[in-house]
Amino acid sequence: MANHEIKCINKTDRLNPHERIQNVGGVRASGSTFKITQPACIAEIERGEQFFVHRAGKTVRVIVATHNGNKYIKTEADGVQPDNLLALPECP
């Protein structure tokens, strides 16, 4: 399994934190950059790929969670809301 680092996100205009992430971007284990939709990231995680973010000097794994029947991504360190991801800068 490859580890891919998420370094940025694009947000939607929705207020619900579980629906706010539209895209994630970063660096793949191979060194290439990526920018994919949240559903594509969910699909990759469900196929066994691993994503992580660096926050406050720690590496935290990104996981798939479900809220009110909708899948979304968040870090293991987060509670219900994807705060670590939402704190990342916007992707170009």
N, C-alpha and C. Protein backbone atom coordinates (compact mmCIF):
# COMPACT_ATOMS: atom_id res chain seq x y z
N MET A 1 0.83 -1.18 0.00
CA MET A 1 0.00 0.00 0.00
C MET A 1 0.87 1.24 0.00
N ALA A 2 0.46 2.20 -0.80
CA ALA A 2 1.22 3.44 -0.90
C ALA A 2 0.63 4.50 0.03
N ASN A 3 1.49 5.35 0.55
CA ASN A 3 1.07 6.47 1.39
C ASN A 3 1.16 7.75 0.59
N HIS A 4 0.04 8.46 0.49
CA HIS A 4 -0.03 9.70 -0.27
C HIS A 4 -0.34 10.85 0.69
N GLU A 5 0.41 11.94 0.58
CA GLU A 5 0.22 13.07 1.50
C GLU A 5 -0.75 14.09 0.90
N ILE A 6 -1.80 14.40 1.65
CA ILE A 6 -2.72 15.46 1.26
C ILE A 6 -2.18 16.77 1.83
N LYS A 7 -1.97 17.76 0.94
CA LYS A 7 -1.39 19.04 1.36
C LYS A 7 -2.35 20.21 1.20
N CYS A 8 -3.44 20.01 0.44
CA CYS A 8 -4.37 21.11 0.21
C CYS A 8 -5.75 20.56 -0.10
N ILE A 9 -6.75 21.42 0.00
CA ILE A 9 -8.13 21.03 -0.33
C ILE A 9 -8.80 22.17 -1.07
N ASN A 10 -9.90 21.86 -1.74
CA ASN A 10 -10.82 22.86 -2.27
C ASN A 10 -12.14 22.65 -1.58
N LYS A 11 -12.72 23.74 -1.10
CA LYS A 11 -13.99 23.66 -0.38
C LYS A 11 -15.16 24.02 -1.29
N THR A 12 -16.31 23.46 -0.98
CA THR A 12 -17.54 23.87 -1.63
C THR A 12 -18.12 25.04 -0.85
N ASP A 13 -19.23 25.56 -1.29
CA ASP A 13 -19.88 26.65 -0.56
C ASP A 13 -20.88 26.14 0.47
N ARG A 14 -20.90 24.84 0.70
CA ARG A 14 -21.84 24.26 1.67
C ARG A 14 -21.37 24.51 3.09
N LEU A 15 -22.32 24.70 3.99
CA LEU A 15 -21.99 24.95 5.39
C LEU A 15 -21.72 23.68 6.17
N ASN A 16 -22.32 22.56 5.75
CA ASN A 16 -22.15 21.29 6.44
C ASN A 16 -20.69 20.85 6.29
N PRO A 17 -19.94 20.67 7.41
CA PRO A 17 -18.52 20.31 7.31
C PRO A 17 -18.29 18.96 6.63
N HIS A 18 -19.29 18.08 6.63
CA HIS A 18 -19.13 16.77 5.99
C HIS A 18 -19.25 16.86 4.48
N GLU A 19 -19.74 17.99 3.97
CA GLU A 19 -19.92 18.20 2.53
C GLU A 19 -19.04 19.32 2.01
N ARG A 20 -18.15 19.86 2.82
CA ARG A 20 -17.37 21.04 2.44
C ARG A 20 -16.19 20.72 1.54
N ILE A 21 -15.64 19.51 1.61
CA ILE A 21 -14.44 19.21 0.83
C ILE A 21 -14.85 18.72 -0.55
N GLN A 22 -14.38 19.43 -1.57
CA GLN A 22 -14.67 19.06 -2.95
C GLN A 22 -13.51 18.27 -3.55
N ASN A 23 -12.29 18.79 -3.39
CA ASN A 23 -11.08 18.15 -3.93
C ASN A 23 -10.00 18.11 -2.86
N VAL A 24 -9.10 17.16 -3.01
CA VAL A 24 -7.88 17.13 -2.20
C VAL A 24 -6.70 17.03 -3.15
N GLY A 25 -5.59 17.60 -2.75
CA GLY A 25 -4.40 17.56 -3.58
C GLY A 25 -3.17 17.31 -2.73
N GLY A 26 -2.12 16.87 -3.38
CA GLY A 26 -0.89 16.62 -2.63
C GLY A 26 0.13 15.88 -3.46
N VAL A 27 0.88 15.03 -2.76
CA VAL A 27 1.99 14.30 -3.38
C VAL A 27 1.79 12.81 -3.17
N ARG A 28 1.82 12.06 -4.25
CA ARG A 28 1.70 10.60 -4.17
C ARG A 28 3.02 10.00 -3.68
N ALA A 29 2.98 8.76 -3.25
CA ALA A 29 4.18 8.06 -2.78
C ALA A 29 5.26 8.03 -3.86
N SER A 30 4.84 8.04 -5.12
CA SER A 30 5.78 8.01 -6.25
C SER A 30 6.48 9.35 -6.46
N GLY A 31 5.99 10.41 -5.80
CA GLY A 31 6.55 11.74 -5.96
C GLY A 31 5.74 12.62 -6.91
N SER A 32 4.79 12.04 -7.63
CA SER A 32 3.96 12.84 -8.53
C SER A 32 2.89 13.57 -7.73
N THR A 33 2.43 14.68 -8.26
CA THR A 33 1.38 15.44 -7.59
C THR A 33 0.02 14.95 -8.05
N PHE A 34 -1.01 15.22 -7.24
CA PHE A 34 -2.36 14.83 -7.60
C PHE A 34 -3.35 15.86 -7.11
N LYS A 35 -4.49 15.88 -7.74
CA LYS A 35 -5.66 16.64 -7.29
C LYS A 35 -6.86 15.82 -7.72
N ILE A 36 -7.60 15.30 -6.73
CA ILE A 36 -8.72 14.41 -7.01
C ILE A 36 -9.94 14.85 -6.22
N THR A 37 -11.10 14.41 -6.65
CA THR A 37 -12.33 14.73 -5.93
C THR A 37 -12.40 13.93 -4.64
N GLN A 38 -13.23 14.40 -3.71
CA GLN A 38 -13.43 13.64 -2.48
C GLN A 38 -13.95 12.23 -2.76
N PRO A 39 -14.96 12.05 -3.67
CA PRO A 39 -15.40 10.68 -3.97
C PRO A 39 -14.27 9.79 -4.53
N ALA A 40 -13.39 10.36 -5.34
CA ALA A 40 -12.26 9.59 -5.87
C ALA A 40 -11.30 9.20 -4.75
N CYS A 41 -11.08 10.11 -3.80
CA CYS A 41 -10.23 9.80 -2.65
C CYS A 41 -10.85 8.69 -1.81
N ILE A 42 -12.15 8.77 -1.59
CA ILE A 42 -12.86 7.72 -0.85
C ILE A 42 -12.68 6.38 -1.54
N ALA A 43 -12.84 6.35 -2.86
CA ALA A 43 -12.70 5.11 -3.62
C ALA A 43 -11.29 4.54 -3.50
N GLU A 44 -10.28 5.41 -3.55
CA GLU A 44 -8.89 4.93 -3.42
C GLU A 44 -8.65 4.36 -2.03
N ILE A 45 -9.15 5.02 -1.00
CA ILE A 45 -8.98 4.50 0.37
C ILE A 45 -9.67 3.15 0.50
N GLU A 46 -10.86 3.04 -0.04
CA GLU A 46 -11.60 1.78 0.04
C GLU A 46 -10.92 0.66 -0.76
N ARG A 47 -10.08 1.01 -1.74
CA ARG A 47 -9.30 0.01 -2.48
C ARG A 47 -7.99 -0.33 -1.78
N GLY A 48 -7.70 0.35 -0.66
CA GLY A 48 -6.49 0.03 0.09
C GLY A 48 -5.39 1.06 0.04
N GLU A 49 -5.55 2.14 -0.72
CA GLU A 49 -4.56 3.21 -0.72
C GLU A 49 -4.64 3.94 0.62
N GLN A 50 -3.54 4.55 1.02
CA GLN A 50 -3.53 5.28 2.28
C GLN A 50 -3.14 6.73 2.04
N PHE A 51 -3.85 7.62 2.72
CA PHE A 51 -3.58 9.05 2.65
C PHE A 51 -3.30 9.55 4.06
N PHE A 52 -2.52 10.63 4.16
CA PHE A 52 -2.21 11.21 5.46
C PHE A 52 -2.03 12.71 5.32
N VAL A 53 -2.06 13.40 6.45
CA VAL A 53 -1.74 14.84 6.50
C VAL A 53 -0.77 15.05 7.65
N HIS A 54 0.04 16.10 7.53
CA HIS A 54 0.90 16.55 8.63
C HIS A 54 0.19 17.72 9.29
N ARG A 55 -0.10 17.60 10.58
CA ARG A 55 -0.75 18.67 11.34
C ARG A 55 -0.10 18.76 12.71
N ALA A 56 0.29 19.94 13.07
CA ALA A 56 0.86 20.21 14.40
C ALA A 56 2.01 19.26 14.72
N GLY A 57 2.87 19.03 13.74
CA GLY A 57 4.05 18.19 13.96
C GLY A 57 3.78 16.70 13.99
N LYS A 58 2.56 16.29 13.69
CA LYS A 58 2.21 14.87 13.71
C LYS A 58 1.71 14.43 12.33
N THR A 59 1.86 13.15 12.06
CA THR A 59 1.30 12.57 10.85
C THR A 59 0.03 11.83 11.23
N VAL A 60 -1.08 12.20 10.60
CA VAL A 60 -2.36 11.57 10.91
C VAL A 60 -2.96 10.97 9.64
N ARG A 61 -3.51 9.78 9.79
CA ARG A 61 -4.07 9.04 8.66
C ARG A 61 -5.45 9.58 8.30
N VAL A 62 -5.73 9.61 7.00
CA VAL A 62 -7.05 10.01 6.50
C VAL A 62 -7.88 8.74 6.34
N ILE A 63 -9.12 8.80 6.83
CA ILE A 63 -10.01 7.64 6.78
C ILE A 63 -11.35 8.05 6.16
N VAL A 64 -12.15 7.05 5.83
CA VAL A 64 -13.51 7.27 5.34
C VAL A 64 -14.46 7.15 6.53
N ALA A 65 -15.34 8.12 6.66
CA ALA A 65 -16.35 8.11 7.72
C ALA A 65 -17.72 8.28 7.06
N THR A 66 -18.76 7.99 7.81
CA THR A 66 -20.12 8.15 7.32
C THR A 66 -20.92 8.98 8.32
N HIS A 67 -21.64 9.97 7.82
CA HIS A 67 -22.50 10.81 8.66
C HIS A 67 -23.83 10.96 7.93
N ASN A 68 -24.91 10.57 8.59
CA ASN A 68 -26.26 10.62 7.99
C ASN A 68 -26.30 9.92 6.64
N GLY A 69 -25.59 8.81 6.52
CA GLY A 69 -25.61 8.01 5.31
C GLY A 69 -24.69 8.49 4.20
N ASN A 70 -23.96 9.59 4.41
CA ASN A 70 -23.04 10.12 3.40
C ASN A 70 -21.60 9.87 3.79
N LYS A 71 -20.83 9.32 2.85
CA LYS A 71 -19.41 9.09 3.10
C LYS A 71 -18.63 10.38 2.90
N TYR A 72 -17.61 10.56 3.73
CA TYR A 72 -16.71 11.70 3.59
C TYR A 72 -15.36 11.29 4.16
N ILE A 73 -14.35 12.13 3.97
CA ILE A 73 -13.02 11.83 4.52
C ILE A 73 -12.74 12.75 5.70
N LYS A 74 -11.96 12.21 6.63
CA LYS A 74 -11.49 12.96 7.79
C LYS A 74 -10.23 12.26 8.28
N THR A 75 -9.55 12.86 9.24
CA THR A 75 -8.38 12.18 9.80
C THR A 75 -8.80 11.40 11.03
N GLU A 76 -8.01 10.40 11.36
CA GLU A 76 -8.29 9.60 12.57
C GLU A 76 -8.32 10.47 13.83
N ALA A 77 -7.54 11.55 13.82
CA ALA A 77 -7.44 12.39 15.01
C ALA A 77 -8.67 13.29 15.20
N ASP A 78 -9.48 13.45 14.16
CA ASP A 78 -10.66 14.30 14.25
C ASP A 78 -11.81 13.59 14.94
N GLY A 79 -12.72 14.39 15.48
CA GLY A 79 -13.97 13.84 15.98
C GLY A 79 -14.88 13.60 14.78
N VAL A 80 -16.09 14.07 14.84
CA VAL A 80 -17.03 13.88 13.75
C VAL A 80 -16.68 14.77 12.56
N GLN A 81 -16.21 15.98 12.81
CA GLN A 81 -15.93 16.92 11.73
C GLN A 81 -14.49 16.75 11.20
N PRO A 82 -14.29 16.98 9.89
CA PRO A 82 -12.96 16.83 9.29
C PRO A 82 -12.08 18.06 9.49
N ASP A 83 -11.84 18.45 10.74
CA ASP A 83 -11.14 19.70 11.05
C ASP A 83 -9.72 19.76 10.52
N ASN A 84 -8.95 18.67 10.64
CA ASN A 84 -7.57 18.70 10.15
C ASN A 84 -7.51 18.96 8.64
N LEU A 85 -8.41 18.36 7.90
CA LEU A 85 -8.45 18.58 6.46
C LEU A 85 -8.95 19.99 6.13
N LEU A 86 -9.98 20.44 6.83
CA LEU A 86 -10.52 21.78 6.55
C LEU A 86 -9.53 22.88 6.88
N ALA A 87 -8.55 22.61 7.73
CA ALA A 87 -7.54 23.60 8.08
C ALA A 87 -6.43 23.72 7.04
N LEU A 88 -6.38 22.81 6.08
CA LEU A 88 -5.35 22.86 5.05
C LEU A 88 -5.61 24.03 4.10
N PRO A 89 -4.55 24.51 3.42
CA PRO A 89 -4.74 25.60 2.47
C PRO A 89 -5.52 25.15 1.24
N GLU A 90 -6.05 26.12 0.51
CA GLU A 90 -6.76 25.84 -0.74
C GLU A 90 -5.77 25.38 -1.82
N CYS A 91 -6.21 24.39 -2.59
CA CYS A 91 -5.41 23.94 -3.74
C CYS A 91 -5.52 24.95 -4.87
N PRO A 92 -4.46 25.10 -5.65
CA PRO A 92 -4.55 26.00 -6.82
C PRO A 92 -5.48 25.42 -7.87
